[in-house]
């Protein structure tokens, strides 16, 4: 990934050829110099831009400053500020009328919108960028943007549209002879493989992997790739193929790819060796996986120190939990699962704090903009200063009020939601018991009457007064009554076939019955709903149990599956529910 990032940055740098150096004034503060340092020292680059604006250096035009600020804030990850300056650059005719500049700012704007969850706006920006790329015959930018929009659809849980865009992006790039574009194509193949694996379309994932392998072989015979790049690509690819083939159940081919992986220099690097861990876990080679993961943690600590609040560390913790569980060291596995929950909550809190900090930074930059205007209008300097300060104070007060209000609204909403969930579960249990007991009584009476009259159960006489819908509903009620009261849904191997047998229906009717009477999309969704209800019951009865223990008792096979199912049913995380549950009897309008 590091070398691929180098390619992308180099591509962006090659496109930034319209910004020229200052011919007068300070020769150090030039667009080229700021572009040169913005990756390694974005803070200094921003400081130089501030200085250039304050001294009105003629070598950097306003639209160039906006473009450079956008690039700096991309590096620092401040997406709100990146959006601000990308939009400001796009408002300039010097960007709007030059397609190469406009497309770069559209892509930057799309990226910043995705980071803020503004997916629909991001897709519109991406579609406009694709149109410009086609106008410029820039297949590399077209393919990259199609992939990025595909990633948005993937995050929106719309895999069909994501795959369609991945394929369009691949078609746009596959005939290129430019090694930079082919490197981009390799990334698109990797993204497509990951989505196909996630959707359990393993055969298609394998075919995509073969295409990627052929592409890497093709790039190996071309001039241009930096030293180590082809070996790195093979290392990534072989590790992913080994894992994929293990998922597919082809252990022999998976082992062959594993051996190929070990022959790469990539696998011998301590910073990259952990790429094979998913294969080792799937192959039940837990001791080997644990050893590599310990090395990954050591490398992480050397790189990030004590900063453990990020998604990379979450992956390391999750792999520790899987390895220890595979080794039957459940105490250690549970300890890592608990730590995983703590870090997940901390990441969420940090992201919220970072977002608030970015808003504050945006307001501070707004103040600086006002001060720049004031310096140009000396006659109104004092008035503009007072107005600018007042506006900033108002905006900061408004921001503080919004944050506090949203916090209180969230607390109230969670308390109300927890109360409604508890009431709904109680009503559902009462209705289920009443209806099922009534149905069972009626069925017993019918059977007794049939025994006396010696008539078959399904004769027209017995069906008098009952249509097909009521009989179908009775079968559903009997099924759910048995399913819940005998805790069949907690059995690990309980699935569609068992549910069909229990409901006395066929596999074609079952999805329709679940949608009609249980509002469930499929068997998995229906069983997960029952497991979530059972988990809520455990939270009330055993408040000292950890969420991992509750998830295990509720028959969820992983921490993440439990969290996703709980959020889908309840609209909040287990932690949020437990915090709200303690106050669910209080008035939400206190």
Protein backbone atom coordinates (compact mmCIF):
# COMPACT_ATOMS: atom_id res chain seq x y z
CA UNK A 1 0.00 0.00 0.00
CA UNK A 2 2.86 2.42 0.67
CA UNK A 3 4.24 2.07 -2.85
CA UNK A 4 0.72 2.36 -4.31
CA UNK A 5 0.21 5.57 -2.33
CA UNK A 6 3.51 6.78 -3.81
CA UNK A 7 2.13 6.15 -7.29
CA UNK A 8 -1.09 8.05 -6.54
CA UNK A 9 0.77 10.98 -5.03
CA UNK A 10 3.15 11.04 -8.01
CA UNK A 11 0.16 11.04 -10.35
CA UNK A 12 -1.39 13.98 -8.47
CA UNK A 13 1.96 15.78 -8.59
CA UNK A 14 2.28 15.34 -12.35
CA UNK A 15 -1.16 16.86 -12.81
CA UNK A 16 -0.28 19.92 -10.75
CA UNK A 17 1.57 21.58 -13.61
CA UNK A 18 -0.53 24.70 -13.90
CA UNK A 19 0.73 26.27 -10.69
CA UNK A 20 3.76 28.43 -11.40
CA UNK A 21 6.55 29.80 -9.25
CA UNK A 22 6.62 33.33 -7.98
CA UNK A 23 8.80 35.52 -10.20
CA UNK A 24 9.01 38.30 -7.69
CA UNK A 25 8.86 38.81 -3.95
CA UNK A 26 9.89 35.99 -1.64
CA UNK A 27 11.41 33.24 -3.79
CA UNK A 28 11.12 30.60 -1.03
CA UNK A 29 7.34 30.70 -0.71
CA UNK A 30 6.33 29.31 -4.09
CA UNK A 31 3.61 26.83 -5.06
CA UNK A 32 6.26 24.29 -6.04
CA UNK A 33 8.04 24.56 -2.69
CA UNK A 34 4.82 24.24 -0.68
CA UNK A 35 3.75 21.27 -2.77
CA UNK A 36 7.17 19.71 -2.15
CA UNK A 37 6.90 19.92 1.67
CA UNK A 38 3.16 19.47 2.23
CA UNK A 39 3.35 15.67 2.59
CA UNK A 40 6.10 15.65 5.22
CA UNK A 41 5.27 18.92 7.00
CA UNK A 42 1.71 20.08 6.24
CA UNK A 43 1.71 22.42 9.28
CA UNK A 44 4.69 24.36 7.89
CA UNK A 45 3.10 24.44 4.44
CA UNK A 46 -0.06 25.98 5.92
CA UNK A 47 2.00 28.50 7.88
CA UNK A 48 3.78 29.58 4.68
CA UNK A 49 0.45 29.97 2.92
CA UNK A 50 -0.77 32.19 5.77
CA UNK A 51 2.39 34.28 5.42
CA UNK A 52 1.99 34.51 1.64
CA UNK A 53 -1.58 35.78 2.04
CA UNK A 54 -0.65 38.29 4.74
CA UNK A 55 2.18 39.76 2.64
CA UNK A 56 0.20 39.59 -0.63
CA UNK A 57 2.95 37.75 -2.49
CA UNK A 58 2.23 37.95 -6.24
CA UNK A 59 3.70 34.52 -6.96
CA UNK A 60 0.73 32.63 -5.42
CA UNK A 61 -2.70 33.45 -6.79
CA UNK A 62 -5.84 33.00 -4.60
CA UNK A 63 -7.08 29.88 -6.40
CA UNK A 64 -3.59 28.32 -6.05
CA UNK A 65 -3.70 28.98 -2.31
CA UNK A 66 -7.06 27.20 -2.08
CA UNK A 67 -5.75 24.20 -4.04
CA UNK A 68 -2.64 23.96 -1.83
CA UNK A 69 -4.68 24.25 1.36
CA UNK A 70 -6.96 21.46 0.10
CA UNK A 71 -3.90 19.25 -0.43
CA UNK A 72 -2.53 20.03 3.05
CA UNK A 73 -5.80 19.29 4.81
CA UNK A 74 -6.06 16.00 2.93
CA UNK A 75 -2.72 14.99 4.49
CA UNK A 76 -3.79 16.07 8.00
CA UNK A 77 -7.14 14.30 7.63
CA UNK A 78 -9.17 17.43 8.40
CA UNK A 79 -12.04 16.68 6.03
CA UNK A 80 -14.22 19.66 6.97
CA UNK A 81 -11.45 22.10 6.10
CA UNK A 82 -10.57 20.10 3.01
CA UNK A 83 -14.19 20.44 1.84
CA UNK A 84 -14.17 24.18 2.55
CA UNK A 85 -11.12 24.95 0.43
CA UNK A 86 -12.03 22.51 -2.35
CA UNK A 87 -15.38 24.27 -2.71
CA UNK A 88 -13.68 27.66 -2.61
CA UNK A 89 -11.27 26.59 -5.35
CA UNK A 90 -14.15 25.29 -7.47
CA UNK A 91 -15.88 28.65 -7.15
CA UNK A 92 -12.99 30.27 -9.03
CA UNK A 93 -13.16 30.68 -12.81
CA UNK A 94 -9.45 29.78 -12.93
CA UNK A 95 -10.44 26.28 -11.76
CA UNK A 96 -13.87 25.94 -13.39
CA UNK A 97 -12.55 26.75 -16.87
CA UNK A 98 -9.50 24.45 -16.67
CA UNK A 99 -10.68 20.78 -16.68
CA UNK A 100 -7.44 19.36 -15.23
CA UNK A 101 -7.74 21.64 -12.17
CA UNK A 102 -11.46 21.15 -11.82
CA UNK A 103 -11.30 17.37 -11.87
CA UNK A 104 -8.61 17.36 -9.18
CA UNK A 105 -10.71 19.56 -6.89
CA UNK A 106 -13.85 17.50 -7.55
CA UNK A 107 -12.02 14.34 -6.49
CA UNK A 108 -10.72 16.09 -3.35
CA UNK A 109 -14.21 17.35 -2.55
CA UNK A 110 -15.66 13.88 -3.05
CA UNK A 111 -13.08 12.40 -0.68
CA UNK A 112 -13.83 14.97 2.05
CA UNK A 113 -17.59 14.41 1.71
CA UNK A 114 -17.17 10.65 2.09
CA UNK A 115 -15.22 11.18 5.32
CA UNK A 116 -18.17 13.18 6.67
CA UNK A 117 -20.76 10.60 5.59
CA UNK A 118 -22.25 12.87 2.89
CA UNK A 119 -22.44 10.01 0.42
CA UNK A 120 -25.06 11.33 -2.01
CA UNK A 121 -23.18 14.63 -2.46
CA UNK A 122 -19.93 12.68 -2.90
CA UNK A 123 -21.48 10.52 -5.62
CA UNK A 124 -22.63 13.60 -7.53
CA UNK A 125 -19.12 15.07 -7.38
CA UNK A 126 -17.66 11.77 -8.57
CA UNK A 127 -20.04 11.54 -11.52
CA UNK A 128 -19.07 15.07 -12.61
CA UNK A 129 -15.38 14.12 -12.28
CA UNK A 130 -15.91 11.02 -14.44
CA UNK A 131 -17.47 13.17 -17.16
CA UNK A 132 -14.42 15.45 -17.17
CA UNK A 133 -12.03 12.48 -17.15
CA UNK A 134 -13.71 11.06 -20.25
CA UNK A 135 -13.53 14.47 -21.90
CA UNK A 136 -9.78 14.54 -21.20
CA UNK A 137 -9.36 10.85 -22.18
CA UNK A 138 -7.83 10.30 -18.74
CA UNK A 139 -8.60 6.62 -18.20
CA UNK A 140 -6.57 6.54 -15.00
CA UNK A 141 -8.61 9.25 -13.31
CA UNK A 142 -11.82 7.77 -14.72
CA UNK A 143 -11.06 4.28 -13.37
CA UNK A 144 -9.94 5.59 -9.98
CA UNK A 145 -13.08 7.71 -9.58
CA UNK A 146 -15.35 4.84 -10.61
CA UNK A 147 -13.68 2.70 -7.96
CA UNK A 148 -14.09 5.41 -5.33
CA UNK A 149 -17.80 5.75 -6.09
CA UNK A 150 -18.02 1.95 -5.93
CA UNK A 151 -16.47 2.11 -2.46
CA UNK A 152 -19.17 4.59 -1.44
CA UNK A 153 -21.91 2.23 -2.59
CA UNK A 154 -20.14 -0.61 -0.79
CA UNK A 155 -20.15 1.37 2.46
CA UNK A 156 -23.86 2.10 1.85
CA UNK A 157 -24.44 -1.69 1.69
CA UNK A 158 -25.35 -1.61 -2.00
CA UNK A 159 -22.99 -4.31 -3.31
CA UNK A 160 -24.66 -4.72 -6.71
CA UNK A 161 -24.05 -1.10 -7.68
CA UNK A 162 -20.56 -1.21 -6.20
CA UNK A 163 -19.59 -4.24 -8.31
CA UNK A 164 -20.99 -2.60 -11.44
CA UNK A 165 -18.81 0.47 -10.91
CA UNK A 166 -15.73 -1.63 -10.06
CA UNK A 167 -16.13 -3.46 -13.37
CA UNK A 168 -16.60 -0.20 -15.30
CA UNK A 169 -13.43 1.20 -13.72
CA UNK A 170 -11.49 -1.96 -14.56
CA UNK A 171 -12.68 -1.83 -18.19
CA UNK A 172 -11.58 1.81 -18.40
CA UNK A 173 -8.02 1.00 -17.29
CA UNK A 174 -7.23 -2.56 -18.41
CA UNK A 175 -6.07 -1.62 -21.94
CA UNK A 176 -3.66 1.06 -20.71
CA UNK A 177 0.10 0.70 -21.09
CA UNK A 178 0.83 3.30 -18.38
CA UNK A 179 2.29 1.55 -15.34
CA UNK A 180 0.78 4.15 -12.98
CA UNK A 181 -2.69 3.42 -14.33
CA UNK A 182 -2.07 -0.33 -14.14
CA UNK A 183 -1.07 0.07 -10.49
CA UNK A 184 -4.43 1.77 -9.98
CA UNK A 185 -6.06 -1.14 -11.81
CA UNK A 186 -4.43 -3.61 -9.42
CA UNK A 187 -6.02 -1.74 -6.52
CA UNK A 188 -9.43 -1.96 -8.22
CA UNK A 189 -9.04 -5.73 -8.59
CA UNK A 190 -8.19 -5.94 -4.89
CA UNK A 191 -11.26 -3.91 -3.87
CA UNK A 192 -13.48 -6.05 -6.08
CA UNK A 193 -12.06 -9.27 -4.61
CA UNK A 194 -12.73 -8.02 -1.09
CA UNK A 195 -16.36 -7.20 -1.90
CA UNK A 196 -16.96 -10.54 -3.62
CA UNK A 197 -15.47 -12.35 -0.60
CA UNK A 198 -17.69 -10.35 1.72
CA UNK A 199 -20.72 -11.33 -0.38
CA UNK A 200 -19.67 -15.03 -0.30
CA UNK A 201 -19.25 -15.04 -4.09
CA UNK A 202 -16.02 -16.95 -3.78
CA UNK A 203 -15.83 -18.37 -7.31
CA UNK A 204 -16.07 -14.87 -8.79
CA UNK A 205 -13.48 -13.66 -6.28
CA UNK A 206 -11.08 -16.39 -7.41
CA UNK A 207 -11.54 -15.43 -11.08
CA UNK A 208 -10.92 -11.79 -10.21
CA UNK A 209 -7.77 -12.85 -8.36
CA UNK A 210 -6.52 -14.68 -11.44
CA UNK A 211 -7.01 -11.53 -13.51
CA UNK A 212 -5.06 -9.52 -10.96
CA UNK A 213 -2.25 -12.07 -10.96
CA UNK A 214 -2.03 -11.83 -14.75
CA UNK A 215 -1.90 -8.03 -14.44
CA UNK A 216 0.98 -8.17 -11.95
CA UNK A 217 2.86 -10.51 -14.27
CA UNK A 218 2.25 -8.06 -17.11
CA UNK A 219 3.58 -5.11 -15.04
CA UNK A 220 6.65 -7.18 -14.11
CA UNK A 221 7.71 -7.13 -17.75
CA UNK A 222 7.27 -3.38 -18.12
CA UNK A 223 9.68 -0.53 -17.33
CA UNK A 224 8.65 1.93 -14.67
CA UNK A 225 7.68 0.11 -11.43
CA UNK A 226 10.00 1.14 -8.57
CA UNK A 227 12.21 -1.51 -6.93
CA UNK A 228 10.23 -3.89 -4.78
CA UNK A 229 6.83 -2.89 -6.14
CA UNK A 230 6.18 -6.11 -8.12
CA UNK A 231 7.34 -8.26 -5.20
CA UNK A 232 5.03 -6.31 -2.91
CA UNK A 233 2.09 -6.78 -5.26
CA UNK A 234 2.73 -10.52 -5.41
CA UNK A 235 2.99 -10.63 -1.61
CA UNK A 236 -0.37 -8.90 -1.13
CA UNK A 237 -1.98 -11.02 -3.83
CA UNK A 238 -0.66 -14.41 -2.68
CA UNK A 239 -1.70 -13.77 0.93
CA UNK A 240 -5.22 -12.78 -0.14
CA UNK A 241 -5.55 -15.76 -2.51
CA UNK A 242 -4.42 -18.17 0.20
CA UNK A 243 -7.09 -16.81 2.55
CA UNK A 244 -9.75 -16.83 -0.20
CA UNK A 245 -9.08 -20.43 -1.20
CA UNK A 246 -9.22 -21.52 2.45
CA UNK A 247 -12.64 -19.88 2.71
CA UNK A 248 -13.62 -21.75 -0.44
CA UNK A 249 -12.50 -25.02 1.14
CA UNK A 250 -9.63 -25.70 -1.27
CA UNK A 251 -6.87 -26.21 1.31
CA UNK A 252 -4.40 -27.68 -1.18
CA UNK A 253 -4.43 -24.67 -3.52
CA UNK A 254 -4.45 -22.34 -0.52
CA UNK A 255 -1.30 -24.01 0.78
CA UNK A 256 0.31 -23.60 -2.66
CA UNK A 257 -0.34 -19.87 -2.59
CA UNK A 258 0.96 -19.74 0.96
CA UNK A 259 4.25 -21.28 -0.22
CA UNK A 260 4.42 -18.72 -3.06
CA UNK A 261 3.88 -15.99 -0.49
CA UNK A 262 6.79 -17.27 1.61
CA UNK A 263 9.07 -17.06 -1.44
CA UNK A 264 8.56 -13.28 -1.75
CA UNK A 265 10.82 -10.72 -0.10
CA UNK A 266 7.61 -9.05 1.03
CA UNK A 267 6.87 -11.94 3.42
CA UNK A 268 10.28 -11.61 5.08
CA UNK A 269 9.69 -7.99 6.05
CA UNK A 270 8.56 -7.69 9.65
CA UNK A 271 6.24 -4.82 8.72
CA UNK A 272 4.44 -6.87 6.06
CA UNK A 273 4.53 -10.43 7.43
CA UNK A 274 1.18 -9.95 9.17
CA UNK A 275 -0.66 -9.91 5.84
CA UNK A 276 -0.83 -13.72 5.95
CA UNK A 277 -2.50 -13.84 9.39
CA UNK A 278 -6.09 -14.18 8.03
CA UNK A 279 -5.01 -17.30 6.13
CA UNK A 280 -3.30 -18.76 9.19
CA UNK A 281 -6.39 -18.18 11.32
CA UNK A 282 -8.65 -19.76 8.72
CA UNK A 283 -6.23 -22.70 8.39
CA UNK A 284 -6.36 -23.09 12.21
CA UNK A 285 -2.62 -22.46 12.53
CA UNK A 286 -3.28 -20.36 15.58
CA UNK A 287 0.19 -20.52 17.10
CA UNK A 288 1.79 -19.20 13.88
CA UNK A 289 -0.86 -16.47 13.65
CA UNK A 290 -0.28 -15.49 17.27
CA UNK A 291 3.46 -15.20 16.73
CA UNK A 292 3.07 -12.95 13.69
CA UNK A 293 0.44 -10.85 15.42
CA UNK A 294 2.76 -10.28 18.36
CA UNK A 295 5.33 -9.03 15.86
CA UNK A 296 2.69 -6.74 14.32
CA UNK A 297 1.93 -5.30 17.74
CA UNK A 298 5.63 -4.67 18.33
CA UNK A 299 5.92 -2.86 14.99
CA UNK A 300 2.81 -0.90 15.80
CA UNK A 301 4.23 0.23 19.14
CA UNK A 302 7.48 1.29 17.48
CA UNK A 303 5.52 3.34 14.93
CA UNK A 304 2.68 4.80 17.00
CA UNK A 305 3.98 4.53 20.56
CA UNK A 306 1.18 4.46 23.13
CA UNK A 307 -1.50 5.66 20.73
CA UNK A 308 -3.81 2.65 20.61
CA UNK A 309 -6.98 4.46 19.62
CA UNK A 310 -7.22 3.62 15.95
CA UNK A 311 -8.56 0.94 13.59
CA UNK A 312 -5.16 -0.66 12.97
CA UNK A 313 -4.88 -1.54 16.63
CA UNK A 314 -8.46 -2.89 16.57
CA UNK A 315 -7.43 -5.39 13.89
CA UNK A 316 -4.46 -6.51 16.01
CA UNK A 317 -6.69 -7.00 19.07
CA UNK A 318 -9.29 -8.94 17.08
CA UNK A 319 -6.62 -11.28 15.71
CA UNK A 320 -5.29 -11.90 19.22
CA UNK A 321 -8.81 -12.81 20.36
CA UNK A 322 -9.30 -15.20 17.43
CA UNK A 323 -5.92 -16.88 17.91
CA UNK A 324 -6.35 -17.39 21.65
CA UNK A 325 -9.86 -18.69 21.16
CA UNK A 326 -8.58 -21.14 18.57
CA UNK A 327 -5.95 -22.29 21.08
CA UNK A 328 -8.74 -22.72 23.66
CA UNK A 329 -7.21 -20.05 25.89
CA UNK A 330 -10.57 -18.49 26.57
CA UNK A 331 -9.47 -16.26 29.42
CA UNK A 332 -6.93 -14.48 27.23
CA UNK A 333 -9.43 -14.34 24.33
CA UNK A 334 -12.09 -12.71 26.52
CA UNK A 335 -9.57 -10.19 27.84
CA UNK A 336 -8.73 -9.09 24.30
CA UNK A 337 -12.42 -8.94 23.38
CA UNK A 338 -13.07 -6.63 26.32
CA UNK A 339 -10.15 -4.46 25.30
CA UNK A 340 -11.55 -4.46 21.76
CA UNK A 341 -14.84 -3.02 23.03
CA UNK A 342 -13.06 -0.33 25.04
CA UNK A 343 -10.91 0.75 22.10
CA UNK A 344 -13.96 0.80 19.79
CA UNK A 345 -15.78 3.18 22.12
CA UNK A 346 -12.64 5.31 22.48
CA UNK A 347 -12.25 5.60 18.71
CA UNK A 348 -15.84 6.79 18.44
CA UNK A 349 -15.25 9.41 21.14
CA UNK A 350 -12.01 10.58 19.50
CA UNK A 351 -13.70 10.93 16.12
CA UNK A 352 -16.44 13.04 17.67
CA UNK A 353 -13.86 15.23 19.42
CA UNK A 354 -11.85 15.54 16.20
CA UNK A 355 -14.94 16.62 14.30
CA UNK A 356 -15.65 19.33 16.90
CA UNK A 357 -12.01 20.46 16.69
CA UNK A 358 -12.27 20.75 12.93
CA UNK A 359 -15.35 22.93 13.25
CA UNK A 360 -13.47 25.15 15.67
CA UNK A 361 -10.55 25.30 13.22
CA UNK A 362 -12.95 26.27 10.46
CA UNK A 363 -14.25 29.11 12.57
CA UNK A 364 -10.71 30.24 13.38
CA UNK A 365 -9.84 30.23 9.69
CA UNK A 366 -12.95 32.26 9.03
CA UNK A 367 -11.61 34.83 11.48
CA UNK A 368 -8.29 34.89 9.63
CA UNK A 369 -10.09 35.46 6.35
CA UNK A 370 -11.84 38.42 7.86
CA UNK A 371 -8.56 39.78 9.16
CA UNK A 372 -7.05 39.53 5.68
CA UNK A 373 -9.90 41.57 4.29
CA UNK A 374 -9.44 44.09 7.08
CA UNK A 375 -5.74 44.48 6.23
CA UNK A 376 -6.74 45.42 2.65
CA UNK A 377 -9.32 47.91 3.90
CA UNK A 378 -7.34 49.92 6.42
CA UNK A 379 -10.02 52.57 6.71
CA UNK A 380 -12.44 49.99 8.13
CA UNK A 381 -9.93 47.93 10.08
CA UNK A 382 -11.39 48.47 13.55
CA UNK A 383 -14.95 47.92 12.46
CA UNK A 384 -14.13 44.72 10.57
CA UNK A 385 -12.11 43.43 13.52
CA UNK A 386 -15.02 43.91 15.90
CA UNK A 387 -17.48 42.35 13.48
CA UNK A 388 -15.19 39.40 12.79
CA UNK A 389 -14.61 38.76 16.49
CA UNK A 390 -18.32 39.00 17.20
CA UNK A 391 -19.16 36.58 14.39
CA UNK A 392 -16.56 34.10 15.61
CA UNK A 393 -17.86 34.29 19.19
CA UNK A 394 -21.43 33.79 17.98
CA UNK A 395 -20.42 30.85 15.84
CA UNK A 396 -18.44 29.27 18.68
CA UNK A 397 -21.41 29.79 21.01
CA UNK A 398 -23.70 28.31 18.39
CA UNK A 399 -21.35 25.35 17.95
CA UNK A 400 -21.22 24.80 21.70
CA UNK A 401 -25.01 25.04 21.89
CA UNK A 402 -25.42 22.60 19.01
CA UNK A 403 -23.01 20.11 20.57
CA UNK A 404 -24.74 20.32 23.96
CA UNK A 405 -28.17 20.11 22.39
CA UNK A 406 -27.22 17.11 20.26
CA UNK A 407 -25.71 15.43 23.30
CA UNK A 408 -28.88 15.95 25.35
CA UNK A 409 -31.12 14.93 22.44
CA UNK A 410 -29.06 11.76 21.99
CA UNK A 411 -29.37 10.92 25.69
CA UNK A 412 -33.12 11.53 25.65
CA UNK A 413 -33.59 9.61 22.44
CA UNK A 414 -31.68 6.61 23.79
CA UNK A 415 -33.68 6.63 27.02
CA UNK A 416 -36.97 6.80 25.14
CA UNK A 417 -35.81 4.16 22.67
CA UNK A 418 -34.71 1.82 25.48
CA UNK A 419 -38.09 2.20 27.17
CA UNK A 420 -39.92 1.56 23.90
CA UNK A 421 -37.77 -1.47 23.18
CA UNK A 422 -38.52 -2.96 26.60
CA UNK A 423 -42.24 -2.31 26.21
CA UNK A 424 -42.22 -3.77 22.70
CA UNK A 425 -40.43 -6.93 23.83
CA UNK A 426 -42.85 -7.36 26.73
CA UNK A 427 -45.84 -6.89 24.44
CA UNK A 428 -44.40 -9.28 21.88
CA UNK A 429 -43.78 -11.95 24.52
CA UNK A 430 -47.27 -11.55 25.97
CA UNK A 431 -48.92 -11.65 22.54
CA UNK A 432 -46.85 -14.65 21.49
CA UNK A 433 -47.76 -16.63 24.60
CA UNK A 434 -51.45 -15.71 24.42
CA UNK A 435 -51.81 -16.42 20.73
CA UNK A 436 -49.80 -19.62 20.74
CA UNK A 437 -51.60 -21.04 23.78
CA UNK A 438 -54.94 -20.20 22.17
CA UNK A 439 -53.83 -21.79 18.91
CA UNK A 440 -52.60 -24.92 20.65
CA UNK A 441 -55.92 -25.23 22.53
CA UNK A 442 -57.88 -24.95 19.30
CA UNK A 443 -55.67 -27.51 17.60
CA UNK A 444 -56.08 -29.95 20.49
CA UNK A 445 -59.85 -29.51 20.27
CA UNK A 446 -59.76 -30.14 16.54
CA UNK A 447 -57.66 -33.26 16.98
CA UNK A 448 -60.08 -34.57 19.61
CA UNK A 449 -63.03 -33.92 17.33
CA UNK A 450 -61.21 -35.61 14.44
CA UNK A 451 -60.54 -38.63 16.60
CA UNK A 452 -64.22 -38.90 17.41
CA UNK A 453 -65.41 -38.50 13.84
CA UNK A 454 -62.46 -40.49 12.40
CA UNK A 455 -61.81 -37.81 9.77
CA UNK A 456 -58.41 -36.72 8.37
CA UNK A 457 -56.96 -33.50 9.66
CA UNK A 458 -57.06 -31.68 6.37
CA UNK A 459 -60.60 -32.59 5.29
CA UNK A 460 -62.81 -29.76 4.10
CA UNK A 461 -65.01 -30.16 7.17
CA UNK A 462 -62.12 -29.33 9.46
CA UNK A 463 -61.11 -26.37 7.34
CA UNK A 464 -64.54 -24.75 7.56
CA UNK A 465 -64.25 -21.17 8.76
CA UNK A 466 -60.46 -21.00 8.18
CA UNK A 467 -58.80 -19.57 5.11
CA UNK A 468 -55.27 -20.35 4.00
CA UNK A 469 -53.88 -17.19 5.62
CA UNK A 470 -55.17 -18.06 9.10
CA UNK A 471 -53.83 -21.60 8.85
CA UNK A 472 -50.48 -20.29 7.68
CA UNK A 473 -50.40 -17.79 10.55
CA UNK A 474 -51.18 -20.55 13.04
CA UNK A 475 -48.27 -22.58 11.70
CA UNK A 476 -46.00 -19.56 12.08
CA UNK A 477 -47.17 -18.98 15.66
CA UNK A 478 -46.62 -22.63 16.60
CA UNK A 479 -43.17 -22.46 15.03
CA UNK A 480 -42.16 -19.28 16.88
CA UNK A 481 -43.61 -20.49 20.17
CA UNK A 482 -41.52 -23.67 20.00
CA UNK A 483 -38.49 -21.77 18.69
CA UNK A 484 -38.48 -19.29 21.58
CA UNK A 485 -39.55 -21.44 24.51
CA UNK A 486 -37.15 -24.25 23.68
CA UNK A 487 -34.33 -21.79 22.80
CA UNK A 488 -33.76 -23.55 19.50
CA UNK A 489 -32.46 -20.35 17.94
CA UNK A 490 -29.44 -20.50 20.29
CA UNK A 491 -28.20 -23.73 18.76
CA UNK A 492 -25.13 -22.98 16.56
CA UNK A 493 -26.24 -25.33 13.80
CA UNK A 494 -29.86 -24.19 13.73
CA UNK A 495 -30.64 -22.71 10.33
CA UNK A 496 -32.95 -22.69 7.37
CA UNK A 497 -33.49 -26.46 7.09
CA UNK A 498 -34.36 -26.78 10.76
CA UNK A 499 -36.72 -23.82 10.54
CA UNK A 500 -38.44 -25.36 7.50
CA UNK A 501 -38.91 -28.62 9.38
CA UNK A 502 -40.19 -26.84 12.48
CA UNK A 503 -42.64 -24.65 10.53
CA UNK A 504 -43.86 -27.53 8.37
CA UNK A 505 -43.49 -25.46 5.22
CA UNK A 506 -41.27 -25.54 2.15
CA UNK A 507 -38.14 -23.58 1.34
CA UNK A 508 -39.91 -21.38 -1.22
CA UNK A 509 -42.68 -20.28 1.16
CA UNK A 510 -40.46 -19.68 4.18
CA UNK A 511 -38.95 -16.30 3.06
CA UNK A 512 -42.42 -14.97 2.27
CA UNK A 513 -43.81 -16.12 5.64
CA UNK A 514 -40.91 -14.49 7.51
CA UNK A 515 -41.39 -11.21 5.65
CA UNK A 516 -45.16 -11.29 6.20
CA UNK A 517 -45.35 -12.25 9.87
CA UNK A 518 -41.90 -11.43 11.28
CA UNK A 519 -40.85 -8.47 9.09
CA UNK A 520 -37.56 -10.31 8.46
CA UNK A 521 -35.68 -10.28 5.15
CA UNK A 522 -34.33 -13.80 5.57
CA UNK A 523 -33.75 -16.64 8.05
CA UNK A 524 -30.52 -15.12 9.35
CA UNK A 525 -32.20 -11.77 10.03
CA UNK A 526 -35.09 -13.51 11.82
CA UNK A 527 -32.83 -15.64 14.04
CA UNK A 528 -30.61 -12.64 14.82
CA UNK A 529 -33.67 -10.70 15.97
CA UNK A 530 -34.57 -13.47 18.41
CA UNK A 531 -30.94 -13.63 19.61
CA UNK A 532 -30.88 -9.87 20.17
CA UNK A 533 -34.10 -10.13 22.21
CA UNK A 534 -32.47 -12.90 24.23
CA UNK A 535 -29.33 -10.76 24.68
CA UNK A 536 -31.47 -7.90 26.02
CA UNK A 537 -33.05 -10.29 28.46
CA UNK A 538 -29.56 -11.36 29.63
CA UNK A 539 -28.51 -7.72 30.06
CA UNK A 540 -31.42 -7.20 32.44
CA UNK A 541 -31.00 -10.48 34.34
CA UNK A 542 -27.18 -10.49 34.43
CA UNK A 543 -26.01 -6.87 34.31
CA UNK A 544 -22.45 -7.83 35.34
CA UNK A 545 -21.85 -9.93 32.21
CA UNK A 546 -19.55 -8.44 29.56
CA UNK A 547 -20.95 -7.81 26.09
CA UNK A 548 -18.70 -10.52 24.70
CA UNK A 549 -20.09 -13.02 27.21
CA UNK A 550 -23.64 -11.94 26.38
CA UNK A 551 -22.93 -12.27 22.66
CA UNK A 552 -21.53 -15.75 23.22
CA UNK A 553 -24.53 -16.86 25.31
CA UNK A 554 -26.86 -15.41 22.67
CA UNK A 555 -25.09 -17.59 20.07
CA UNK A 556 -23.46 -14.81 18.06
CA UNK A 557 -20.28 -16.06 16.43
CA UNK A 558 -18.37 -12.80 16.73
CA UNK A 559 -18.28 -9.47 18.53
CA UNK A 560 -18.89 -7.49 15.32
CA UNK A 561 -21.85 -9.66 14.26
CA UNK A 562 -23.49 -9.07 17.65
CA UNK A 563 -22.97 -5.31 17.42
CA UNK A 564 -24.34 -5.12 13.87
CA UNK A 565 -27.41 -7.21 14.68
CA UNK A 566 -28.10 -5.28 17.89
CA UNK A 567 -27.84 -1.92 16.13
CA UNK A 568 -30.11 -3.10 13.30
CA UNK A 569 -32.83 -4.22 15.72
CA UNK A 570 -32.55 -1.48 18.37
CA UNK A 571 -31.02 1.49 16.56
CA UNK A 572 -28.26 1.83 19.15
CA UNK A 573 -25.20 -0.08 20.38
CA UNK A 574 -25.35 -2.46 23.37
CA UNK A 575 -23.32 0.03 25.42
CA UNK A 576 -25.75 2.84 24.62
CA UNK A 577 -28.69 0.62 25.50
CA UNK A 578 -27.21 -0.35 28.87
CA UNK A 579 -26.53 3.32 29.72
CA UNK A 580 -30.10 4.22 28.79
CA UNK A 581 -31.65 1.15 30.44
CA UNK A 582 -30.69 2.32 33.92
CA UNK A 583 -32.82 5.44 33.41
CA UNK A 584 -35.59 4.05 31.23
CA UNK A 585 -38.23 4.61 33.92
CA UNK A 586 -37.31 8.30 34.29
CA UNK A 587 -39.19 10.95 32.37
CA UNK A 588 -37.41 11.82 29.11
CA UNK A 589 -38.49 15.42 29.52
CA UNK A 590 -36.79 16.18 32.83
